[in-house]
Amino acid sequence: MRDADEGRVVRPTARTFAQFFDEWFAGVQPTLDATTWQSWKDYARLYVVPRIGGKRLQQLNEPDLLNLYGQLLAEGRIKPDRDSIMYVSGHVFPQV
């Protein structure tokens, strides 16, 4: 997204959030303790990937993430926290 914002050409891709997440998650596994990794994996499998996993990564935007955050809040899946959405944007999508 940063390249597109700065006017650089970004090749179109059909890569989905689920594909990206699988690669990213495998990469962070060595940096997490086993229980944290399993907890994140289960949460993503149950609540995140079913909702946005099929969305093309290049089409995923801030409103999509805010909508997901709102749904999870409304369902009681997460607690209200002023830092939660910043965490999602900065940790899961550091290049955004």
PDB file of N, CA and C in Angstrom:
ATOM      1  N   MET A   1       0.814  -1.179   0.000  1.00  0.00           N
ATOM      2  CA  MET A   1       0.000   0.000   0.000  1.00  0.00           C
ATOM      3  C   MET A   1       0.866   1.254   0.000  1.00  0.00           C
ATOM      4  N   ARG A   2       1.962   1.176   0.709  1.00  0.00           N
ATOM      5  CA  ARG A   2       2.847   2.337   0.768  1.00  0.00           C
ATOM      6  C   ARG A   2       3.359   2.675  -0.627  1.00  0.00           C
ATOM      7  N   ASP A   3       3.745   1.649  -1.409  1.00  0.00           N
ATOM      8  CA  ASP A   3       4.215   1.897  -2.771  1.00  0.00           C
ATOM      9  C   ASP A   3       3.142   2.575  -3.606  1.00  0.00           C
ATOM     10  N   ALA A   4       1.916   2.096  -3.516  1.00  0.00           N
ATOM     11  CA  ALA A   4       0.821   2.692  -4.283  1.00  0.00           C
ATOM     12  C   ALA A   4       0.589   4.134  -3.847  1.00  0.00           C
ATOM     13  N   ASP A   5       0.627   4.388  -2.544  1.00  0.00           N
ATOM     14  CA  ASP A   5       0.430   5.750  -2.035  1.00  0.00           C
ATOM     15  C   ASP A   5       1.513   6.702  -2.526  1.00  0.00           C
ATOM     16  N   GLU A   6       2.705   6.176  -2.736  1.00  0.00           N
ATOM     17  CA  GLU A   6       3.822   7.005  -3.187  1.00  0.00           C
ATOM     18  C   GLU A   6       3.953   7.012  -4.704  1.00  0.00           C
ATOM     19  N   GLY A   7       2.962   6.464  -5.406  1.00  0.00           N
ATOM     20  CA  GLY A   7       2.950   6.508  -6.862  1.00  0.00           C
ATOM     21  C   GLY A   7       3.787   5.440  -7.542  1.00  0.00           C
ATOM     22  N   ARG A   8       4.287   4.478  -6.802  1.00  0.00           N
ATOM     23  CA  ARG A   8       5.044   3.380  -7.406  1.00  0.00           C
ATOM     24  C   ARG A   8       4.081   2.322  -7.914  1.00  0.00           C
ATOM     25  N   VAL A   9       4.483   1.654  -8.972  1.00  0.00           N
ATOM     26  CA  VAL A   9       3.645   0.614  -9.557  1.00  0.00           C
ATOM     27  C   VAL A   9       3.647  -0.616  -8.652  1.00  0.00           C
ATOM     28  N   VAL A  10       2.465  -1.109  -8.375  1.00  0.00           N
ATOM     29  CA  VAL A  10       2.310  -2.321  -7.579  1.00  0.00           C
ATOM     30  C   VAL A  10       1.641  -3.352  -8.473  1.00  0.00           C
ATOM     31  N   ARG A  11       2.309  -4.490  -8.666  1.00  0.00           N
ATOM     32  CA  ARG A  11       1.749  -5.530  -9.535  1.00  0.00           C
ATOM     33  C   ARG A  11       0.467  -6.084  -8.938  1.00  0.00           C
ATOM     34  N   PRO A  12      -0.557  -6.243  -9.766  1.00  0.00           N
ATOM     35  CA  PRO A  12      -1.800  -6.854  -9.273  1.00  0.00           C
ATOM     36  C   PRO A  12      -1.549  -8.303  -8.854  1.00  0.00           C
ATOM     37  N   THR A  13      -2.229  -8.729  -7.839  1.00  0.00           N
ATOM     38  CA  THR A  13      -2.118 -10.107  -7.378  1.00  0.00           C
ATOM     39  C   THR A  13      -3.467 -10.572  -6.854  1.00  0.00           C
ATOM     40  N   ALA A  14      -3.701 -11.851  -6.931  1.00  0.00           N
ATOM     41  CA  ALA A  14      -4.941 -12.430  -6.413  1.00  0.00           C
ATOM     42  C   ALA A  14      -4.726 -13.001  -5.010  1.00  0.00           C
ATOM     43  N   ARG A  15      -3.580 -12.734  -4.424  1.00  0.00           N
ATOM     44  CA  ARG A  15      -3.234 -13.257  -3.099  1.00  0.00           C
ATOM     45  C   ARG A  15      -4.267 -12.786  -2.071  1.00  0.00           C
ATOM     46  N   THR A  16      -4.742 -13.722  -1.283  1.00  0.00           N
ATOM     47  CA  THR A  16      -5.771 -13.406  -0.295  1.00  0.00           C
ATOM     48  C   THR A  16      -5.156 -13.140   1.077  1.00  0.00           C
ATOM     49  N   PHE A  17      -5.981 -12.589   1.952  1.00  0.00           N
ATOM     50  CA  PHE A  17      -5.536 -12.381   3.322  1.00  0.00           C
ATOM     51  C   PHE A  17      -5.130 -13.708   3.953  1.00  0.00           C
ATOM     52  N   ALA A  18      -5.914 -14.761   3.713  1.00  0.00           N
ATOM     53  CA  ALA A  18      -5.603 -16.070   4.306  1.00  0.00           C
ATOM     54  C   ALA A  18      -4.227 -16.559   3.864  1.00  0.00           C
ATOM     55  N   GLN A  19      -3.891 -16.378   2.590  1.00  0.00           N
ATOM     56  CA  GLN A  19      -2.577 -16.797   2.103  1.00  0.00           C
ATOM     57  C   GLN A  19      -1.469 -15.985   2.776  1.00  0.00           C
ATOM     58  N   PHE A  20      -1.663 -14.676   2.825  1.00  0.00           N
ATOM     59  CA  PHE A  20      -0.694 -13.809   3.488  1.00  0.00           C
ATOM     60  C   PHE A  20      -0.541 -14.197   4.952  1.00  0.00           C
ATOM     61  N   PHE A  21      -1.666 -14.390   5.630  1.00  0.00           N
ATOM     62  CA  PHE A  21      -1.635 -14.686   7.058  1.00  0.00           C
ATOM     63  C   PHE A  21      -0.885 -15.982   7.334  1.00  0.00           C
ATOM     64  N   ASP A  22      -1.122 -17.015   6.527  1.00  0.00           N
ATOM     65  CA  ASP A  22      -0.414 -18.285   6.723  1.00  0.00           C
ATOM     66  C   ASP A  22       1.095 -18.091   6.644  1.00  0.00           C
ATOM     67  N   GLU A  23       1.548 -17.309   5.657  1.00  0.00           N
ATOM     68  CA  GLU A  23       2.985 -17.064   5.502  1.00  0.00           C
ATOM     69  C   GLU A  23       3.520 -16.223   6.662  1.00  0.00           C
ATOM     70  N   TRP A  24       2.803 -15.153   6.989  1.00  0.00           N
ATOM     71  CA  TRP A  24       3.238 -14.278   8.078  1.00  0.00           C
ATOM     72  C   TRP A  24       3.287 -15.042   9.388  1.00  0.00           C
ATOM     73  N   PHE A  25       2.239 -15.822   9.641  1.00  0.00           N
ATOM     74  CA  PHE A  25       2.131 -16.527  10.910  1.00  0.00           C
ATOM     75  C   PHE A  25       3.236 -17.563  11.069  1.00  0.00           C
ATOM     76  N   ALA A  26       3.587 -18.234   9.988  1.00  0.00           N
ATOM     77  CA  ALA A  26       4.698 -19.189  10.043  1.00  0.00           C
ATOM     78  C   ALA A  26       6.004 -18.464  10.367  1.00  0.00           C
ATOM     79  N   GLY A  27       6.145 -17.252   9.855  1.00  0.00           N
ATOM     80  CA  GLY A  27       7.355 -16.475  10.102  1.00  0.00           C
ATOM     81  C   GLY A  27       7.498 -15.977  11.527  1.00  0.00           C
ATOM     82  N   VAL A  28       6.377 -15.680  12.188  1.00  0.00           N
ATOM     83  CA  VAL A  28       6.467 -15.172  13.565  1.00  0.00           C
ATOM     84  C   VAL A  28       6.470 -16.285  14.600  1.00  0.00           C
ATOM     85  N   GLN A  29       6.161 -17.499  14.186  1.00  0.00           N
ATOM     86  CA  GLN A  29       6.097 -18.604  15.148  1.00  0.00           C
ATOM     87  C   GLN A  29       7.355 -18.713  16.005  1.00  0.00           C
ATOM     88  N   PRO A  30       8.554 -18.633  15.418  1.00  0.00           N
ATOM     89  CA  PRO A  30       9.751 -18.770  16.257  1.00  0.00           C
ATOM     90  C   PRO A  30       9.921 -17.655  17.292  1.00  0.00           C
ATOM     91  N   THR A  31       9.213 -16.545  17.124  1.00  0.00           N
ATOM     92  CA  THR A  31       9.365 -15.423  18.054  1.00  0.00           C
ATOM     93  C   THR A  31       8.357 -15.466  19.196  1.00  0.00           C
ATOM     94  N   LEU A  32       7.447 -16.421  19.166  1.00  0.00           N
ATOM     95  CA  LEU A  32       6.383 -16.511  20.168  1.00  0.00           C
ATOM     96  C   LEU A  32       6.535 -17.774  20.998  1.00  0.00           C
ATOM     97  N   ASP A  33       6.079 -17.710  22.251  1.00  0.00           N
ATOM     98  CA  ASP A  33       6.081 -18.960  23.006  1.00  0.00           C
ATOM     99  C   ASP A  33       4.935 -19.834  22.479  1.00  0.00           C
ATOM    100  N   ALA A  34       5.006 -21.100  22.746  1.00  0.00           N
ATOM    101  CA  ALA A  34       4.076 -22.070  22.148  1.00  0.00           C
ATOM    102  C   ALA A  34       2.620 -21.782  22.486  1.00  0.00           C
ATOM    103  N   THR A  35       2.339 -21.375  23.714  1.00  0.00           N
ATOM    104  CA  THR A  35       0.939 -21.129  24.083  1.00  0.00           C
ATOM    105  C   THR A  35       0.395 -19.876  23.407  1.00  0.00           C
ATOM    106  N   THR A  36       1.215 -18.840  23.279  1.00  0.00           N
ATOM    107  CA  THR A  36       0.781 -17.628  22.571  1.00  0.00           C
ATOM    108  C   THR A  36       0.518 -17.951  21.116  1.00  0.00           C
ATOM    109  N   TRP A  37       1.440 -18.671  20.482  1.00  0.00           N
ATOM    110  CA  TRP A  37       1.283 -19.028  19.075  1.00  0.00           C
ATOM    111  C   TRP A  37      -0.003 -19.826  18.868  1.00  0.00           C
ATOM    112  N   GLN A  38      -0.259 -20.809  19.704  1.00  0.00           N
ATOM    113  CA  GLN A  38      -1.461 -21.635  19.559  1.00  0.00           C
ATOM    114  C   GLN A  38      -2.724 -20.801  19.771  1.00  0.00           C
ATOM    115  N   SER A  39      -2.690 -19.924  20.748  1.00  0.00           N
ATOM    116  CA  SER A  39      -3.835 -19.059  21.023  1.00  0.00           C
ATOM    117  C   SER A  39      -4.135 -18.155  19.829  1.00  0.00           C
ATOM    118  N   TRP A  40      -3.110 -17.527  19.272  1.00  0.00           N
ATOM    119  CA  TRP A  40      -3.294 -16.667  18.097  1.00  0.00           C
ATOM    120  C   TRP A  40      -3.808 -17.485  16.914  1.00  0.00           C
ATOM    121  N   LYS A  41      -3.244 -18.671  16.733  1.00  0.00           N
ATOM    122  CA  LYS A  41      -3.650 -19.526  15.614  1.00  0.00           C
ATOM    123  C   LYS A  41      -5.127 -19.892  15.731  1.00  0.00           C
ATOM    124  N   ASP A  42      -5.545 -20.319  16.914  1.00  0.00           N
ATOM    125  CA  ASP A  42      -6.945 -20.695  17.122  1.00  0.00           C
ATOM    126  C   ASP A  42      -7.877 -19.509  16.905  1.00  0.00           C
ATOM    127  N   TYR A  43      -7.506 -18.366  17.445  1.00  0.00           N
ATOM    128  CA  TYR A  43      -8.339 -17.171  17.309  1.00  0.00           C
ATOM    129  C   TYR A  43      -8.488 -16.783  15.840  1.00  0.00           C
ATOM    130  N   ALA A  44      -7.383 -16.766  15.126  1.00  0.00           N
ATOM    131  CA  ALA A  44      -7.427 -16.411  13.704  1.00  0.00           C
ATOM    132  C   ALA A  44      -8.270 -17.412  12.922  1.00  0.00           C
ATOM    133  N   ARG A  45      -8.090 -18.691  13.202  1.00  0.00           N
ATOM    134  CA  ARG A  45      -8.833 -19.736  12.488  1.00  0.00           C
ATOM    135  C   ARG A  45     -10.333 -19.629  12.741  1.00  0.00           C
ATOM    136  N   LEU A  46     -10.716 -19.304  13.963  1.00  0.00           N
ATOM    137  CA  LEU A  46     -12.133 -19.259  14.319  1.00  0.00           C
ATOM    138  C   LEU A  46     -12.822 -17.944  13.974  1.00  0.00           C
ATOM    139  N   TYR A  47     -12.111 -16.818  14.105  1.00  0.00           N
ATOM    140  CA  TYR A  47     -12.789 -15.530  14.038  1.00  0.00           C
ATOM    141  C   TYR A  47     -12.310 -14.569  12.953  1.00  0.00           C
ATOM    142  N   VAL A  48     -11.071 -14.649  12.550  1.00  0.00           N
ATOM    143  CA  VAL A  48     -10.554 -13.670  11.597  1.00  0.00           C
ATOM    144  C   VAL A  48     -10.582 -14.206  10.169  1.00  0.00           C
ATOM    145  N   VAL A  49      -9.937 -15.325   9.944  1.00  0.00           N
ATOM    146  CA  VAL A  49      -9.846 -15.866   8.586  1.00  0.00           C
ATOM    147  C   VAL A  49     -11.217 -16.165   7.978  1.00  0.00           C
ATOM    148  N   PRO A  50     -12.187 -16.703   8.728  1.00  0.00           N
ATOM    149  CA  PRO A  50     -13.500 -16.923   8.108  1.00  0.00           C
ATOM    150  C   PRO A  50     -14.170 -15.630   7.624  1.00  0.00           C
ATOM    151  N   ARG A  51     -13.832 -14.507   8.215  1.00  0.00           N
ATOM    152  CA  ARG A  51     -14.482 -13.239   7.862  1.00  0.00           C
ATOM    153  C   ARG A  51     -13.769 -12.483   6.753  1.00  0.00           C
ATOM    154  N   ILE A  52     -12.440 -12.479   6.781  1.00  0.00           N
ATOM    155  CA  ILE A  52     -11.717 -11.698   5.773  1.00  0.00           C
ATOM    156  C   ILE A  52     -10.688 -12.521   5.003  1.00  0.00           C
ATOM    157  N   GLY A  53     -10.594 -13.807   5.294  1.00  0.00           N
ATOM    158  CA  GLY A  53      -9.576 -14.642   4.668  1.00  0.00           C
ATOM    159  C   GLY A  53      -9.667 -14.731   3.161  1.00  0.00           C
ATOM    160  N   GLY A  54     -10.875 -14.680   2.617  1.00  0.00           N
ATOM    161  CA  GLY A  54     -11.047 -14.780   1.172  1.00  0.00           C
ATOM    162  C   GLY A  54     -10.865 -13.475   0.433  1.00  0.00           C
ATOM    163  N   LYS A  55     -10.713 -12.398   1.160  1.00  0.00           N
ATOM    164  CA  LYS A  55     -10.565 -11.084   0.534  1.00  0.00           C
ATOM    165  C   LYS A  55      -9.164 -10.946  -0.040  1.00  0.00           C
ATOM    166  N   ARG A  56      -9.093 -10.426  -1.258  1.00  0.00           N
ATOM    167  CA  ARG A  56      -7.781 -10.188  -1.855  1.00  0.00           C
ATOM    168  C   ARG A  56      -7.029  -9.179  -1.003  1.00  0.00           C
ATOM    169  N   LEU A  57      -5.784  -9.479  -0.742  1.00  0.00           N
ATOM    170  CA  LEU A  57      -4.974  -8.652   0.141  1.00  0.00           C
ATOM    171  C   LEU A  57      -4.914  -7.208  -0.350  1.00  0.00           C
ATOM    172  N   GLN A  58      -4.788  -7.008  -1.654  1.00  0.00           N
ATOM    173  CA  GLN A  58      -4.701  -5.653  -2.186  1.00  0.00           C
ATOM    174  C   GLN A  58      -6.016  -4.892  -2.061  1.00  0.00           C
ATOM    175  N   GLN A  59      -7.099  -5.590  -1.806  1.00  0.00           N
ATOM    176  CA  GLN A  59      -8.384  -4.917  -1.651  1.00  0.00           C
ATOM    177  C   GLN A  59      -8.750  -4.702  -0.182  1.00  0.00           C
ATOM    178  N   LEU A  60      -8.000  -5.290   0.713  1.00  0.00           N
ATOM    179  CA  LEU A  60      -8.258  -5.137   2.142  1.00  0.00           C
ATOM    180  C   LEU A  60      -7.873  -3.719   2.555  1.00  0.00           C
ATOM    181  N   ASN A  61      -8.762  -3.059   3.288  1.00  0.00           N
ATOM    182  CA  ASN A  61      -8.495  -1.672   3.647  1.00  0.00           C
ATOM    183  C   ASN A  61      -8.858  -1.412   5.107  1.00  0.00           C
ATOM    184  N   GLU A  62      -8.610  -0.191   5.533  1.00  0.00           N
ATOM    185  CA  GLU A  62      -8.860   0.165   6.926  1.00  0.00           C
ATOM    186  C   GLU A  62     -10.320  -0.047   7.325  1.00  0.00           C
ATOM    187  N   PRO A  63     -11.302   0.355   6.502  1.00  0.00           N
ATOM    188  CA  PRO A  63     -12.692   0.079   6.892  1.00  0.00           C
ATOM    189  C   PRO A  63     -12.978  -1.413   7.096  1.00  0.00           C
ATOM    190  N   ASP A  64     -12.348  -2.274   6.310  1.00  0.00           N
ATOM    191  CA  ASP A  64     -12.527  -3.720   6.509  1.00  0.00           C
ATOM    192  C   ASP A  64     -12.048  -4.135   7.899  1.00  0.00           C
ATOM    193  N   LEU A  65     -10.887  -3.616   8.301  1.00  0.00           N
ATOM    194  CA  LEU A  65     -10.331  -3.969   9.611  1.00  0.00           C
ATOM    195  C   LEU A  65     -11.161  -3.376  10.741  1.00  0.00           C
ATOM    196  N   LEU A  66     -11.630  -2.144  10.554  1.00  0.00           N
ATOM    197  CA  LEU A  66     -12.474  -1.527  11.575  1.00  0.00           C
ATOM    198  C   LEU A  66     -13.799  -2.267  11.705  1.00  0.00           C
ATOM    199  N   ASN A  67     -14.347  -2.716  10.581  1.00  0.00           N
ATOM    200  CA  ASN A  67     -15.583  -3.501  10.603  1.00  0.00           C
ATOM    201  C   ASN A  67     -15.364  -4.822  11.340  1.00  0.00           C
ATOM    202  N   LEU A  68     -14.271  -5.497  11.036  1.00  0.00           N
ATOM    203  CA  LEU A  68     -13.936  -6.742  11.729  1.00  0.00           C
ATOM    204  C   LEU A  68     -13.801  -6.486  13.231  1.00  0.00           C
ATOM    205  N   TYR A  69     -13.089  -5.443  13.589  1.00  0.00           N
ATOM    206  CA  TYR A  69     -12.902  -5.077  14.994  1.00  0.00           C
ATOM    207  C   TYR A  69     -14.256  -4.838  15.661  1.00  0.00           C
ATOM    208  N   GLY A  70     -15.141  -4.099  14.989  1.00  0.00           N
ATOM    209  CA  GLY A  70     -16.472  -3.828  15.532  1.00  0.00           C
ATOM    210  C   GLY A  70     -17.294  -5.086  15.721  1.00  0.00           C
ATOM    211  N   GLN A  71     -17.223  -5.999  14.760  1.00  0.00           N
ATOM    212  CA  GLN A  71     -17.951  -7.265  14.873  1.00  0.00           C
ATOM    213  C   GLN A  71     -17.451  -8.069  16.067  1.00  0.00           C
ATOM    214  N   LEU A  72     -16.140  -8.149  16.205  1.00  0.00           N
ATOM    215  CA  LEU A  72     -15.558  -8.916  17.307  1.00  0.00           C
ATOM    216  C   LEU A  72     -15.901  -8.289  18.657  1.00  0.00           C
ATOM    217  N   LEU A  73     -15.924  -6.961  18.717  1.00  0.00           N
ATOM    218  CA  LEU A  73     -16.350  -6.274  19.942  1.00  0.00           C
ATOM    219  C   LEU A  73     -17.803  -6.592  20.260  1.00  0.00           C
ATOM    220  N   ALA A  74     -18.674  -6.463  19.256  1.00  0.00           N
ATOM    221  CA  ALA A  74     -20.109  -6.680  19.458  1.00  0.00           C
ATOM    222  C   ALA A  74     -20.408  -8.102  19.919  1.00  0.00           C
ATOM    223  N   GLU A  75     -19.620  -9.053  19.464  1.00  0.00           N
ATOM    224  CA  GLU A  75     -19.819 -10.456  19.829  1.00  0.00           C
ATOM    225  C   GLU A  75     -19.130 -10.823  21.142  1.00  0.00           C
ATOM    226  N   GLY A  76     -18.398  -9.892  21.713  1.00  0.00           N
ATOM    227  CA  GLY A  76     -17.685 -10.179  22.953  1.00  0.00           C
ATOM    228  C   GLY A  76     -16.429 -11.008  22.751  1.00  0.00           C
ATOM    229  N   ARG A  77     -15.940 -11.087  21.520  1.00  0.00           N
ATOM    230  CA  ARG A  77     -14.724 -11.866  21.231  1.00  0.00           C
ATOM    231  C   ARG A  77     -13.463 -11.142  21.675  1.00  0.00           C
ATOM    232  N   ILE A  78     -13.545  -9.819  21.750  1.00  0.00           N
ATOM    233  CA  ILE A  78     -12.434  -9.012  22.239  1.00  0.00           C
ATOM    234  C   ILE A  78     -12.996  -7.970  23.193  1.00  0.00           C
ATOM    235  N   LYS A  79     -12.125  -7.431  24.033  1.00  0.00           N
ATOM    236  CA  LYS A  79     -12.516  -6.390  24.976  1.00  0.00           C
ATOM    237  C   LYS A  79     -12.206  -5.030  24.360  1.00  0.00           C
ATOM    238  N   PRO A  80     -13.041  -4.026  24.672  1.00  0.00           N
ATOM    239  CA  PRO A  80     -12.731  -2.677  24.180  1.00  0.00           C
ATOM    240  C   PRO A  80     -11.359  -2.246  24.693  1.00  0.00           C
ATOM    241  N   ASP A  81     -10.546  -1.750  23.804  1.00  0.00           N
ATOM    242  CA  ASP A  81      -9.188  -1.356  24.146  1.00  0.00           C
ATOM    243  C   ASP A  81      -8.742  -0.337  23.116  1.00  0.00           C
ATOM    244  N   ARG A  82      -8.334   0.817  23.568  1.00  0.00           N
ATOM    245  CA  ARG A  82      -7.967   1.867  22.623  1.00  0.00           C
ATOM    246  C   ARG A  82      -6.760   1.481  21.769  1.00  0.00           C
ATOM    247  N   ASP A  83      -5.972   0.521  22.213  1.00  0.00           N
ATOM    248  CA  ASP A  83      -4.783   0.125  21.473  1.00  0.00           C
ATOM    249  C   ASP A  83      -5.009  -1.057  20.536  1.00  0.00           C
ATOM    250  N   SER A  84      -6.147  -1.723  20.621  1.00  0.00           N
ATOM    251  CA  SER A  84      -6.356  -2.948  19.844  1.00  0.00           C
ATOM    252  C   SER A  84      -6.251  -2.731  18.351  1.00  0.00           C
ATOM    253  N   ILE A  85      -6.950  -1.746  17.828  1.00  0.00           N
ATOM    254  CA  ILE A  85      -6.914  -1.546  16.379  1.00  0.00           C
ATOM    255  C   ILE A  85      -5.547  -1.054  15.937  1.00  0.00           C
ATOM    256  N   MET A  86      -4.854  -0.299  16.788  1.00  0.00           N
ATOM    257  CA  MET A  86      -3.500   0.127  16.461  1.00  0.00           C
ATOM    258  C   MET A  86      -2.585  -1.093  16.405  1.00  0.00           C
ATOM    259  N   TYR A  87      -2.819  -2.048  17.305  1.00  0.00           N
ATOM    260  CA  TYR A  87      -2.025  -3.273  17.320  1.00  0.00           C
ATOM    261  C   TYR A  87      -2.241  -4.046  16.031  1.00  0.00           C
ATOM    262  N   VAL A  88      -3.500  -4.196  15.631  1.00  0.00           N
ATOM    263  CA  VAL A  88      -3.808  -4.925  14.399  1.00  0.00           C
ATOM    264  C   VAL A  88      -3.135  -4.251  13.224  1.00  0.00           C
ATOM    265  N   SER A  89      -3.285  -2.954  13.101  1.00  0.00           N
ATOM    266  CA  SER A  89      -2.716  -2.234  11.967  1.00  0.00           C
ATOM    267  C   SER A  89      -1.195  -2.269  11.973  1.00  0.00           C
ATOM    268  N   GLY A  90      -0.581  -2.135  13.141  1.00  0.00           N
ATOM    269  CA  GLY A  90       0.867  -2.051  13.207  1.00  0.00           C
ATOM    270  C   GLY A  90       1.590  -3.368  13.274  1.00  0.00           C
ATOM    271  N   HIS A  91       0.978  -4.381  13.874  1.00  0.00           N
ATOM    272  CA  HIS A  91       1.680  -5.646  14.050  1.00  0.00           C
ATOM    273  C   HIS A  91       1.357  -6.638  12.937  1.00  0.00           C
ATOM    274  N   VAL A  92       0.100  -6.761  12.614  1.00  0.00           N
ATOM    275  CA  VAL A  92      -0.273  -7.708  11.566  1.00  0.00           C
ATOM    276  C   VAL A  92       0.034  -7.134  10.197  1.00  0.00           C
ATOM    277  N   PHE A  93      -0.138  -5.820  10.041  1.00  0.00           N
ATOM    278  CA  PHE A  93       0.084  -5.172   8.755  1.00  0.00           C
ATOM    279  C   PHE A  93       1.121  -4.065   8.892  1.00  0.00           C
ATOM    280  N   PRO A  94       2.363  -4.394   9.245  1.00  0.00           N
ATOM    281  CA  PRO A  94       3.344  -3.339   9.473  1.00  0.00           C
ATOM    282  C   PRO A  94       3.632  -2.506   8.231  1.00  0.00           C
ATOM    283  N   GLN A  95       3.432  -3.053   7.040  1.00  0.00           N
ATOM    284  CA  GLN A  95       3.721  -2.315   5.820  1.00  0.00           C
ATOM    285  C   GLN A  95       2.588  -1.408   5.403  1.00  0.00           C
ATOM    286  N   VAL A  96       1.440  -1.484   6.074  1.00  0.00           N
ATOM    287  CA  VAL A  96       0.281  -0.663   5.705  1.00  0.00           C
ATOM    288  C   VAL A  96       0.471   0.733   6.244  1.00  0.00           C
TER     289      VAL A  96
END
